[in-house]
Amino acid sequence: MARQFAAQQTQTMFEELRRVTEEVGNTVSAKELGAKEAFLEMERRIEMDFDPVTSEPKNLVLVVHPSQIERLKKLSVEWEKDPEFRAELGRIRQQKIEEWRARENRRQLVD
């Protein structure tokens, strides 16, 4: 029963996520853009937090359907060999770091 309940809760959560992202127009289609460009577009659209020491993304999670894991692993190996992809991903990450720093600088301490 616990597994069935967890599966139902997970399905409900993903259905709600799909609904709200479509509602606000924040979906990315790999069918329309191609997998590589869709991945980059996803990176452009998400808000990221970073480790202040390493400037590495913090708590970044990519949820992938189990049937797509091996395909995505193979694609990511190919993409890492593509200098244009790496450069664009670097530009996106640098922009995300700057956005994060700006958010952090706007924060105010509360007494």
N, C-alpha and C. Protein backbone atom coordinates (compact mmCIF):
# COMPACT_ATOMS: atom_id res chain seq x y z
N MET A 1 0.81 -1.19 0.00
CA MET A 1 0.00 0.00 0.00
C MET A 1 0.86 1.26 0.00
N ALA A 2 1.95 1.21 0.76
CA ALA A 2 2.82 2.39 0.84
C ALA A 2 3.43 2.70 -0.53
N ARG A 3 3.84 1.67 -1.26
CA ARG A 3 4.40 1.89 -2.60
C ARG A 3 3.36 2.46 -3.55
N GLN A 4 2.15 1.94 -3.48
CA GLN A 4 1.08 2.45 -4.33
C GLN A 4 0.79 3.91 -4.00
N PHE A 5 0.75 4.22 -2.72
CA PHE A 5 0.50 5.60 -2.31
C PHE A 5 1.62 6.52 -2.80
N ALA A 6 2.88 6.08 -2.63
CA ALA A 6 4.02 6.89 -3.09
C ALA A 6 3.97 7.09 -4.60
N ALA A 7 3.65 6.04 -5.33
CA ALA A 7 3.57 6.15 -6.79
C ALA A 7 2.46 7.12 -7.20
N GLN A 8 1.34 7.04 -6.52
CA GLN A 8 0.21 7.93 -6.82
C GLN A 8 0.58 9.38 -6.50
N GLN A 9 1.25 9.60 -5.38
CA GLN A 9 1.67 10.95 -5.00
C GLN A 9 2.66 11.51 -6.01
N THR A 10 3.59 10.67 -6.45
CA THR A 10 4.59 11.10 -7.43
C THR A 10 3.91 11.46 -8.74
N GLN A 11 2.99 10.62 -9.20
CA GLN A 11 2.27 10.91 -10.44
C GLN A 11 1.49 12.21 -10.32
N THR A 12 0.83 12.41 -9.20
CA THR A 12 0.06 13.63 -8.98
C THR A 12 0.98 14.85 -9.00
N MET A 13 2.15 14.74 -8.37
CA MET A 13 3.09 15.85 -8.34
C MET A 13 3.55 16.22 -9.76
N PHE A 14 3.91 15.21 -10.56
CA PHE A 14 4.37 15.49 -11.91
C PHE A 14 3.25 16.03 -12.79
N GLU A 15 2.04 15.57 -12.60
CA GLU A 15 0.92 16.12 -13.36
C GLU A 15 0.72 17.59 -13.02
N GLU A 16 0.82 17.93 -11.75
CA GLU A 16 0.66 19.33 -11.33
C GLU A 16 1.81 20.19 -11.86
N LEU A 17 3.02 19.69 -11.80
CA LEU A 17 4.16 20.42 -12.36
C LEU A 17 3.97 20.66 -13.85
N ARG A 18 3.52 19.65 -14.56
CA ARG A 18 3.29 19.80 -16.00
C ARG A 18 2.22 20.87 -16.25
N ARG A 19 1.14 20.81 -15.48
CA ARG A 19 0.05 21.75 -15.65
C ARG A 19 0.51 23.19 -15.44
N VAL A 20 1.21 23.45 -14.33
CA VAL A 20 1.59 24.83 -14.04
C VAL A 20 2.68 25.34 -14.97
N THR A 21 3.61 24.48 -15.39
CA THR A 21 4.63 24.96 -16.32
C THR A 21 4.03 25.27 -17.68
N GLU A 22 3.07 24.47 -18.11
CA GLU A 22 2.39 24.77 -19.37
C GLU A 22 1.56 26.03 -19.24
N GLU A 23 0.92 26.20 -18.09
CA GLU A 23 0.06 27.37 -17.86
C GLU A 23 0.85 28.67 -17.94
N VAL A 24 2.04 28.69 -17.40
CA VAL A 24 2.84 29.92 -17.42
C VAL A 24 3.76 30.01 -18.65
N GLY A 25 3.72 28.98 -19.49
CA GLY A 25 4.53 29.01 -20.71
C GLY A 25 5.99 28.73 -20.47
N ASN A 26 6.30 27.91 -19.50
CA ASN A 26 7.70 27.63 -19.18
C ASN A 26 8.08 26.19 -19.50
N THR A 27 7.57 25.69 -20.62
CA THR A 27 7.94 24.34 -21.04
C THR A 27 8.98 24.42 -22.14
N VAL A 28 9.78 23.37 -22.24
CA VAL A 28 10.81 23.27 -23.26
C VAL A 28 10.61 21.94 -23.97
N SER A 29 10.58 21.94 -25.28
CA SER A 29 10.33 20.73 -26.05
C SER A 29 11.58 20.27 -26.77
N ALA A 30 12.06 19.09 -26.39
CA ALA A 30 13.20 18.50 -27.09
C ALA A 30 12.81 18.08 -28.50
N LYS A 31 11.54 17.75 -28.70
CA LYS A 31 11.08 17.40 -30.05
C LYS A 31 11.17 18.58 -30.99
N GLU A 32 10.88 19.77 -30.47
CA GLU A 32 10.92 20.96 -31.31
C GLU A 32 12.33 21.52 -31.48
N LEU A 33 13.10 21.52 -30.40
CA LEU A 33 14.41 22.17 -30.42
C LEU A 33 15.57 21.22 -30.68
N GLY A 34 15.37 19.95 -30.44
CA GLY A 34 16.47 19.00 -30.42
C GLY A 34 16.97 18.90 -28.98
N ALA A 35 17.51 17.76 -28.63
CA ALA A 35 17.88 17.50 -27.23
C ALA A 35 18.91 18.49 -26.70
N LYS A 36 19.94 18.77 -27.49
CA LYS A 36 21.02 19.65 -27.01
C LYS A 36 20.52 21.06 -26.76
N GLU A 37 19.80 21.62 -27.71
CA GLU A 37 19.30 22.98 -27.54
C GLU A 37 18.23 23.04 -26.45
N ALA A 38 17.44 21.99 -26.32
CA ALA A 38 16.44 21.94 -25.25
C ALA A 38 17.12 21.94 -23.88
N PHE A 39 18.23 21.21 -23.76
CA PHE A 39 18.96 21.20 -22.50
C PHE A 39 19.49 22.60 -22.18
N LEU A 40 20.06 23.26 -23.18
CA LEU A 40 20.58 24.62 -22.96
C LEU A 40 19.45 25.58 -22.61
N GLU A 41 18.32 25.45 -23.28
CA GLU A 41 17.18 26.32 -22.98
C GLU A 41 16.67 26.09 -21.57
N MET A 42 16.66 24.84 -21.15
CA MET A 42 16.26 24.53 -19.78
C MET A 42 17.21 25.22 -18.79
N GLU A 43 18.49 25.15 -19.07
CA GLU A 43 19.49 25.82 -18.22
C GLU A 43 19.24 27.32 -18.17
N ARG A 44 18.86 27.90 -19.28
CA ARG A 44 18.59 29.35 -19.33
C ARG A 44 17.39 29.72 -18.47
N ARG A 45 16.40 28.86 -18.39
CA ARG A 45 15.14 29.20 -17.74
C ARG A 45 15.10 28.95 -16.25
N ILE A 46 15.94 28.08 -15.73
CA ILE A 46 15.83 27.75 -14.31
C ILE A 46 16.60 28.73 -13.44
N GLU A 47 16.12 28.91 -12.23
CA GLU A 47 16.83 29.72 -11.25
C GLU A 47 17.76 28.80 -10.48
N MET A 48 19.01 29.22 -10.34
CA MET A 48 20.01 28.39 -9.67
C MET A 48 20.58 29.10 -8.47
N ASP A 49 20.97 28.30 -7.49
CA ASP A 49 21.77 28.78 -6.37
C ASP A 49 23.16 28.18 -6.52
N PHE A 50 24.15 28.86 -5.94
CA PHE A 50 25.54 28.43 -6.10
C PHE A 50 26.24 28.38 -4.76
N ASP A 51 27.23 27.53 -4.68
CA ASP A 51 28.10 27.48 -3.52
C ASP A 51 28.97 28.73 -3.56
N PRO A 52 29.00 29.53 -2.48
CA PRO A 52 29.75 30.79 -2.52
C PRO A 52 31.26 30.60 -2.64
N VAL A 53 31.77 29.44 -2.28
CA VAL A 53 33.21 29.20 -2.35
C VAL A 53 33.62 28.66 -3.71
N THR A 54 32.89 27.66 -4.21
CA THR A 54 33.28 27.00 -5.45
C THR A 54 32.57 27.55 -6.69
N SER A 55 31.51 28.30 -6.48
CA SER A 55 30.65 28.79 -7.57
C SER A 55 30.03 27.65 -8.38
N GLU A 56 29.93 26.50 -7.78
CA GLU A 56 29.26 25.36 -8.42
C GLU A 56 27.78 25.41 -8.07
N PRO A 57 26.93 24.97 -9.00
CA PRO A 57 25.49 24.94 -8.69
C PRO A 57 25.22 24.12 -7.43
N LYS A 58 24.27 24.58 -6.65
CA LYS A 58 23.92 23.95 -5.39
C LYS A 58 22.50 23.42 -5.48
N ASN A 59 22.31 22.18 -5.04
CA ASN A 59 20.99 21.55 -5.00
C ASN A 59 20.30 21.52 -6.35
N LEU A 60 21.07 21.32 -7.40
CA LEU A 60 20.52 21.25 -8.75
C LEU A 60 20.17 19.79 -9.05
N VAL A 61 18.92 19.53 -9.38
CA VAL A 61 18.45 18.17 -9.62
C VAL A 61 17.76 18.12 -10.98
N LEU A 62 18.13 17.16 -11.78
CA LEU A 62 17.50 16.94 -13.07
C LEU A 62 16.72 15.62 -12.97
N VAL A 63 15.43 15.69 -13.15
CA VAL A 63 14.58 14.50 -13.08
C VAL A 63 14.36 14.01 -14.50
N VAL A 64 14.72 12.76 -14.73
CA VAL A 64 14.63 12.16 -16.06
C VAL A 64 13.84 10.87 -15.97
N HIS A 65 12.99 10.64 -16.94
CA HIS A 65 12.26 9.38 -16.97
C HIS A 65 13.27 8.24 -17.10
N PRO A 66 13.06 7.14 -16.37
CA PRO A 66 14.01 6.03 -16.41
C PRO A 66 14.32 5.53 -17.81
N SER A 67 13.37 5.61 -18.72
CA SER A 67 13.61 5.13 -20.08
C SER A 67 14.58 6.04 -20.85
N GLN A 68 14.85 7.24 -20.34
CA GLN A 68 15.70 8.19 -21.05
C GLN A 68 17.10 8.35 -20.44
N ILE A 69 17.36 7.69 -19.33
CA ILE A 69 18.63 7.89 -18.62
C ILE A 69 19.83 7.52 -19.48
N GLU A 70 19.83 6.34 -20.06
CA GLU A 70 20.99 5.90 -20.85
C GLU A 70 21.19 6.80 -22.07
N ARG A 71 20.09 7.18 -22.70
CA ARG A 71 20.18 8.07 -23.87
C ARG A 71 20.79 9.41 -23.47
N LEU A 72 20.34 9.96 -22.35
CA LEU A 72 20.87 11.25 -21.91
C LEU A 72 22.34 11.15 -21.52
N LYS A 73 22.73 10.04 -20.92
CA LYS A 73 24.15 9.85 -20.59
C LYS A 73 25.01 9.86 -21.86
N LYS A 74 24.56 9.15 -22.87
CA LYS A 74 25.32 9.10 -24.13
C LYS A 74 25.38 10.48 -24.79
N LEU A 75 24.25 11.17 -24.79
CA LEU A 75 24.22 12.50 -25.38
C LEU A 75 25.14 13.46 -24.63
N SER A 76 25.13 13.38 -23.30
CA SER A 76 25.96 14.30 -22.53
C SER A 76 27.45 14.09 -22.80
N VAL A 77 27.85 12.84 -23.04
CA VAL A 77 29.25 12.57 -23.41
C VAL A 77 29.57 13.24 -24.74
N GLU A 78 28.66 13.14 -25.71
CA GLU A 78 28.85 13.81 -27.01
C GLU A 78 28.91 15.32 -26.84
N TRP A 79 27.98 15.87 -26.06
CA TRP A 79 27.91 17.31 -25.89
C TRP A 79 29.18 17.86 -25.25
N GLU A 80 29.76 17.11 -24.33
CA GLU A 80 30.99 17.57 -23.66
C GLU A 80 32.16 17.68 -24.63
N LYS A 81 32.08 16.99 -25.75
CA LYS A 81 33.13 17.06 -26.78
C LYS A 81 32.92 18.24 -27.73
N ASP A 82 31.76 18.88 -27.65
CA ASP A 82 31.39 19.97 -28.55
C ASP A 82 31.81 21.30 -27.93
N PRO A 83 32.84 21.96 -28.49
CA PRO A 83 33.31 23.21 -27.90
C PRO A 83 32.25 24.31 -27.89
N GLU A 84 31.38 24.35 -28.89
CA GLU A 84 30.32 25.37 -28.92
C GLU A 84 29.32 25.14 -27.79
N PHE A 85 28.98 23.87 -27.55
CA PHE A 85 28.07 23.55 -26.45
C PHE A 85 28.68 23.94 -25.12
N ARG A 86 29.94 23.55 -24.90
CA ARG A 86 30.61 23.88 -23.64
C ARG A 86 30.71 25.38 -23.44
N ALA A 87 30.99 26.11 -24.50
CA ALA A 87 31.10 27.57 -24.40
C ALA A 87 29.75 28.18 -24.05
N GLU A 88 28.68 27.73 -24.70
CA GLU A 88 27.35 28.27 -24.41
C GLU A 88 26.92 27.91 -23.00
N LEU A 89 27.17 26.69 -22.57
CA LEU A 89 26.84 26.30 -21.21
C LEU A 89 27.63 27.15 -20.21
N GLY A 90 28.88 27.43 -20.52
CA GLY A 90 29.69 28.30 -19.66
C GLY A 90 29.12 29.70 -19.58
N ARG A 91 28.66 30.24 -20.72
CA ARG A 91 28.05 31.58 -20.72
C ARG A 91 26.77 31.59 -19.90
N ILE A 92 25.97 30.55 -20.05
CA ILE A 92 24.72 30.47 -19.29
C ILE A 92 25.03 30.40 -17.80
N ARG A 93 25.97 29.55 -17.42
CA ARG A 93 26.30 29.41 -16.00
C ARG A 93 26.86 30.71 -15.43
N GLN A 94 27.67 31.42 -16.19
CA GLN A 94 28.19 32.69 -15.72
C GLN A 94 27.06 33.69 -15.50
N GLN A 95 26.11 33.73 -16.42
CA GLN A 95 24.95 34.59 -16.26
C GLN A 95 24.15 34.20 -15.02
N LYS A 96 23.99 32.90 -14.80
CA LYS A 96 23.25 32.42 -13.63
C LYS A 96 23.97 32.78 -12.33
N ILE A 97 25.29 32.74 -12.34
CA ILE A 97 26.06 33.14 -11.16
C ILE A 97 25.84 34.63 -10.88
N GLU A 98 25.87 35.44 -11.93
CA GLU A 98 25.65 36.88 -11.76
C GLU A 98 24.24 37.15 -11.24
N GLU A 99 23.24 36.43 -11.76
CA GLU A 99 21.87 36.59 -11.26
C GLU A 99 21.77 36.19 -9.79
N TRP A 100 22.44 35.09 -9.43
CA TRP A 100 22.43 34.62 -8.05
C TRP A 100 23.08 35.65 -7.13
N ARG A 101 24.23 36.18 -7.55
CA ARG A 101 24.91 37.20 -6.73
C ARG A 101 24.01 38.43 -6.54
N ALA A 102 23.33 38.84 -7.59
CA ALA A 102 22.43 39.99 -7.48
C ALA A 102 21.30 39.69 -6.49
N ARG A 103 20.73 38.48 -6.55
CA ARG A 103 19.68 38.10 -5.59
C ARG A 103 20.22 38.10 -4.17
N GLU A 104 21.40 37.55 -4.00
CA GLU A 104 22.00 37.49 -2.68
C GLU A 104 22.29 38.89 -2.14
N ASN A 105 22.73 39.79 -3.00
CA ASN A 105 23.04 41.16 -2.57
C ASN A 105 21.79 41.96 -2.20
N ARG A 106 20.65 41.56 -2.73
CA ARG A 106 19.40 42.26 -2.41
C ARG A 106 18.78 41.76 -1.10
N ARG A 107 19.27 40.64 -0.62
CA ARG A 107 18.71 40.08 0.61
C ARG A 107 19.01 41.00 1.79
N GLN A 108 18.08 41.06 2.71
CA GLN A 108 18.27 41.88 3.90
C GLN A 108 18.18 41.00 5.15
N LEU A 109 19.04 41.31 6.10
CA LEU A 109 18.99 40.60 7.38
C LEU A 109 17.83 41.13 8.19
N VAL A 110 17.19 40.25 8.91
CA VAL A 110 16.06 40.63 9.76
C VAL A 110 16.51 40.54 11.21
N ASP A 111 16.17 41.58 11.99
CA ASP A 111 16.53 41.57 13.41
C ASP A 111 15.73 40.56 14.18
